[in-house]
Amino acid sequence: MEALSTLWFILIAVLWTGYLILDGFDLGAAMMMKTFAKSEKEQRVLL
């Protein structure tokens, strides 16, 4: 039963890592938009 828990942990960790690597730019740009982009022109440049 402990092996099954370890397997699920590894599987979920791999899936989250893949998601963050593949979607990392979009997530980062969206988070920075509120802080750094004050005007609509700056928002378009950021994206």
PDB file of N, CA and C in Angstrom:
ATOM      1  N   MET A   1       0.815  -1.198   0.000  1.00  0.00           N
ATOM      2  CA  MET A   1       0.000   0.000   0.000  1.00  0.00           C
ATOM      3  C   MET A   1       0.862   1.266   0.000  1.00  0.00           C
ATOM      4  N   GLU A   2       2.013   1.179   0.666  1.00  0.00           N
ATOM      5  CA  GLU A   2       2.916   2.324   0.698  1.00  0.00           C
ATOM      6  C   GLU A   2       3.503   2.597  -0.687  1.00  0.00           C
ATOM      7  N   ALA A   3       3.727   1.551  -1.454  1.00  0.00           N
ATOM      8  CA  ALA A   3       4.257   1.722  -2.809  1.00  0.00           C
ATOM      9  C   ALA A   3       3.248   2.449  -3.691  1.00  0.00           C
ATOM     10  N   LEU A   4       1.969   2.189  -3.482  1.00  0.00           N
ATOM     11  CA  LEU A   4       0.931   2.856  -4.264  1.00  0.00           C
ATOM     12  C   LEU A   4       0.888   4.353  -3.941  1.00  0.00           C
ATOM     13  N   SER A   5       1.039   4.705  -2.687  1.00  0.00           N
ATOM     14  CA  SER A   5       1.082   6.122  -2.295  1.00  0.00           C
ATOM     15  C   SER A   5       2.279   6.821  -2.924  1.00  0.00           C
ATOM     16  N   THR A   6       3.411   6.163  -2.915  1.00  0.00           N
ATOM     17  CA  THR A   6       4.616   6.731  -3.519  1.00  0.00           C
ATOM     18  C   THR A   6       4.439   6.898  -5.023  1.00  0.00           C
ATOM     19  N   LEU A   7       3.846   5.923  -5.664  1.00  0.00           N
ATOM     20  CA  LEU A   7       3.602   5.994  -7.106  1.00  0.00           C
ATOM     21  C   LEU A   7       2.688   7.169  -7.449  1.00  0.00           C
ATOM     22  N   TRP A   8       1.608   7.356  -6.702  1.00  0.00           N
ATOM     23  CA  TRP A   8       0.698   8.469  -6.956  1.00  0.00           C
ATOM     24  C   TRP A   8       1.383   9.813  -6.719  1.00  0.00           C
ATOM     25  N   PHE A   9       2.196   9.901  -5.682  1.00  0.00           N
ATOM     26  CA  PHE A   9       2.925  11.138  -5.407  1.00  0.00           C
ATOM     27  C   PHE A   9       3.843  11.492  -6.569  1.00  0.00           C
ATOM     28  N   ILE A  10       4.572  10.520  -7.068  1.00  0.00           N
ATOM     29  CA  ILE A  10       5.488  10.746  -8.190  1.00  0.00           C
ATOM     30  C   ILE A  10       4.711  11.136  -9.439  1.00  0.00           C
ATOM     31  N   LEU A  11       3.601  10.459  -9.700  1.00  0.00           N
ATOM     32  CA  LEU A  11       2.789  10.764 -10.877  1.00  0.00           C
ATOM     33  C   LEU A  11       2.250  12.191 -10.828  1.00  0.00           C
ATOM     34  N   ILE A  12       1.717  12.580  -9.703  1.00  0.00           N
ATOM     35  CA  ILE A  12       1.172  13.934  -9.581  1.00  0.00           C
ATOM     36  C   ILE A  12       2.285  14.975  -9.662  1.00  0.00           C
ATOM     37  N   ALA A  13       3.431  14.703  -9.073  1.00  0.00           N
ATOM     38  CA  ALA A  13       4.562  15.632  -9.152  1.00  0.00           C
ATOM     39  C   ALA A  13       5.032  15.810 -10.593  1.00  0.00           C
ATOM     40  N   VAL A  14       5.094  14.728 -11.350  1.00  0.00           N
ATOM     41  CA  VAL A  14       5.508  14.810 -12.756  1.00  0.00           C
ATOM     42  C   VAL A  14       4.487  15.600 -13.567  1.00  0.00           C
ATOM     43  N   LEU A  15       3.212  15.367 -13.334  1.00  0.00           N
ATOM     44  CA  LEU A  15       2.178  16.096 -14.070  1.00  0.00           C
ATOM     45  C   LEU A  15       2.207  17.589 -13.750  1.00  0.00           C
ATOM     46  N   TRP A  16       2.354  17.959 -12.484  1.00  0.00           N
ATOM     47  CA  TRP A  16       2.441  19.373 -12.117  1.00  0.00           C
ATOM     48  C   TRP A  16       3.688  20.024 -12.701  1.00  0.00           C
ATOM     49  N   THR A  17       4.793  19.324 -12.675  1.00  0.00           N
ATOM     50  CA  THR A  17       6.030  19.862 -13.244  1.00  0.00           C
ATOM     51  C   THR A  17       5.871  20.107 -14.739  1.00  0.00           C
ATOM     52  N   GLY A  18       5.298  19.163 -15.446  1.00  0.00           N
ATOM     53  CA  GLY A  18       5.053  19.341 -16.877  1.00  0.00           C
ATOM     54  C   GLY A  18       4.133  20.504 -17.159  1.00  0.00           C
ATOM     55  N   TYR A  19       3.083  20.642 -16.373  1.00  0.00           N
ATOM     56  CA  TYR A  19       2.149  21.751 -16.558  1.00  0.00           C
ATOM     57  C   TYR A  19       2.845  23.094 -16.347  1.00  0.00           C
ATOM     58  N   LEU A  20       3.619  23.208 -15.294  1.00  0.00           N
ATOM     59  CA  LEU A  20       4.286  24.477 -15.009  1.00  0.00           C
ATOM     60  C   LEU A  20       5.366  24.808 -16.028  1.00  0.00           C
ATOM     61  N   ILE A  21       6.040  23.802 -16.563  1.00  0.00           N
ATOM     62  CA  ILE A  21       7.053  24.047 -17.588  1.00  0.00           C
ATOM     63  C   ILE A  21       6.394  24.474 -18.895  1.00  0.00           C
ATOM     64  N   LEU A  22       5.337  23.785 -19.295  1.00  0.00           N
ATOM     65  CA  LEU A  22       4.711  24.075 -20.575  1.00  0.00           C
ATOM     66  C   LEU A  22       3.882  25.356 -20.552  1.00  0.00           C
ATOM     67  N   ASP A  23       3.331  25.715 -19.406  1.00  0.00           N
ATOM     68  CA  ASP A  23       2.483  26.894 -19.325  1.00  0.00           C
ATOM     69  C   ASP A  23       3.147  27.996 -18.506  1.00  0.00           C
ATOM     70  N   GLY A  24       4.416  27.867 -18.224  1.00  0.00           N
ATOM     71  CA  GLY A  24       5.103  28.800 -17.350  1.00  0.00           C
ATOM     72  C   GLY A  24       5.137  30.228 -17.853  1.00  0.00           C
ATOM     73  N   PHE A  25       5.328  30.432 -19.147  1.00  0.00           N
ATOM     74  CA  PHE A  25       5.401  31.793 -19.673  1.00  0.00           C
ATOM     75  C   PHE A  25       4.073  32.501 -19.503  1.00  0.00           C
ATOM     76  N   ASP A  26       2.985  31.824 -19.830  1.00  0.00           N
ATOM     77  CA  ASP A  26       1.666  32.441 -19.714  1.00  0.00           C
ATOM     78  C   ASP A  26       1.334  32.786 -18.272  1.00  0.00           C
ATOM     79  N   LEU A  27       1.638  31.897 -17.358  1.00  0.00           N
ATOM     80  CA  LEU A  27       1.361  32.168 -15.949  1.00  0.00           C
ATOM     81  C   LEU A  27       2.184  33.342 -15.450  1.00  0.00           C
ATOM     82  N   GLY A  28       3.445  33.391 -15.823  1.00  0.00           N
ATOM     83  CA  GLY A  28       4.307  34.481 -15.386  1.00  0.00           C
ATOM     84  C   GLY A  28       3.895  35.821 -15.971  1.00  0.00           C
ATOM     85  N   ALA A  29       3.528  35.845 -17.238  1.00  0.00           N
ATOM     86  CA  ALA A  29       3.111  37.089 -17.879  1.00  0.00           C
ATOM     87  C   ALA A  29       1.823  37.607 -17.256  1.00  0.00           C
ATOM     88  N   ALA A  30       0.904  36.725 -16.946  1.00  0.00           N
ATOM     89  CA  ALA A  30      -0.354  37.149 -16.339  1.00  0.00           C
ATOM     90  C   ALA A  30      -0.133  37.686 -14.927  1.00  0.00           C
ATOM     91  N   MET A  31       0.784  37.090 -14.185  1.00  0.00           N
ATOM     92  CA  MET A  31       1.060  37.577 -12.829  1.00  0.00           C
ATOM     93  C   MET A  31       1.762  38.933 -12.868  1.00  0.00           C
ATOM     94  N   MET A  32       2.660  39.133 -13.826  1.00  0.00           N
ATOM     95  CA  MET A  32       3.402  40.391 -13.910  1.00  0.00           C
ATOM     96  C   MET A  32       2.540  41.524 -14.449  1.00  0.00           C
ATOM     97  N   MET A  33       1.481  41.207 -15.175  1.00  0.00           N
ATOM     98  CA  MET A  33       0.685  42.241 -15.821  1.00  0.00           C
ATOM     99  C   MET A  33       0.085  43.210 -14.800  1.00  0.00           C
ATOM    100  N   LYS A  34      -0.408  42.709 -13.694  1.00  0.00           N
ATOM    101  CA  LYS A  34      -1.011  43.578 -12.677  1.00  0.00           C
ATOM    102  C   LYS A  34       0.026  44.500 -12.039  1.00  0.00           C
ATOM    103  N   THR A  35       1.245  44.034 -11.914  1.00  0.00           N
ATOM    104  CA  THR A  35       2.272  44.803 -11.220  1.00  0.00           C
ATOM    105  C   THR A  35       2.985  45.795 -12.135  1.00  0.00           C
ATOM    106  N   PHE A  36       3.388  45.352 -13.319  1.00  0.00           N
ATOM    107  CA  PHE A  36       4.275  46.162 -14.157  1.00  0.00           C
ATOM    108  C   PHE A  36       3.575  46.921 -15.276  1.00  0.00           C
ATOM    109  N   ALA A  37       2.489  46.403 -15.793  1.00  0.00           N
ATOM    110  CA  ALA A  37       1.836  47.032 -16.941  1.00  0.00           C
ATOM    111  C   ALA A  37       0.732  47.966 -16.448  1.00  0.00           C
ATOM    112  N   LYS A  38       0.985  49.253 -16.538  1.00  0.00           N
ATOM    113  CA  LYS A  38       0.011  50.234 -16.052  1.00  0.00           C
ATOM    114  C   LYS A  38      -0.985  50.630 -17.141  1.00  0.00           C
ATOM    115  N   SER A  39      -0.533  50.741 -18.371  1.00  0.00           N
ATOM    116  CA  SER A  39      -1.428  51.150 -19.451  1.00  0.00           C
ATOM    117  C   SER A  39      -1.742  49.956 -20.356  1.00  0.00           C
ATOM    118  N   GLU A  40      -2.707  50.161 -21.232  1.00  0.00           N
ATOM    119  CA  GLU A  40      -3.086  49.089 -22.155  1.00  0.00           C
ATOM    120  C   GLU A  40      -1.952  48.777 -23.134  1.00  0.00           C
ATOM    121  N   LYS A  41      -1.205  49.785 -23.533  1.00  0.00           N
ATOM    122  CA  LYS A  41      -0.074  49.566 -24.438  1.00  0.00           C
ATOM    123  C   LYS A  41       0.988  48.695 -23.769  1.00  0.00           C
ATOM    124  N   GLU A  42       1.280  48.952 -22.509  1.00  0.00           N
ATOM    125  CA  GLU A  42       2.261  48.142 -21.784  1.00  0.00           C
ATOM    126  C   GLU A  42       1.775  46.701 -21.618  1.00  0.00           C
ATOM    127  N   GLN A  43       0.472  46.525 -21.437  1.00  0.00           N
ATOM    128  CA  GLN A  43      -0.079  45.169 -21.333  1.00  0.00           C
ATOM    129  C   GLN A  43       0.112  44.403 -22.635  1.00  0.00           C
ATOM    130  N   ARG A  44      -0.113  45.062 -23.762  1.00  0.00           N
ATOM    131  CA  ARG A  44       0.077  44.397 -25.059  1.00  0.00           C
ATOM    132  C   ARG A  44       1.538  44.047 -25.297  1.00  0.00           C
ATOM    133  N   VAL A  45       2.443  44.922 -24.876  1.00  0.00           N
ATOM    134  CA  VAL A  45       3.876  44.647 -25.027  1.00  0.00           C
ATOM    135  C   VAL A  45       4.273  43.447 -24.178  1.00  0.00           C
ATOM    136  N   LEU A  46       3.732  43.371 -22.977  1.00  0.00           N
ATOM    137  CA  LEU A  46       4.061  42.274 -22.071  1.00  0.00           C
ATOM    138  C   LEU A  46       3.588  40.938 -22.622  1.00  0.00           C
ATOM    139  N   LEU A  47       2.423  40.924 -23.226  1.00  0.00           N
ATOM    140  CA  LEU A  47       1.910  39.674 -23.787  1.00  0.00           C
ATOM    141  C   LEU A  47       2.532  39.397 -25.124  1.00  0.00           C
TER     142      LEU A  47
END
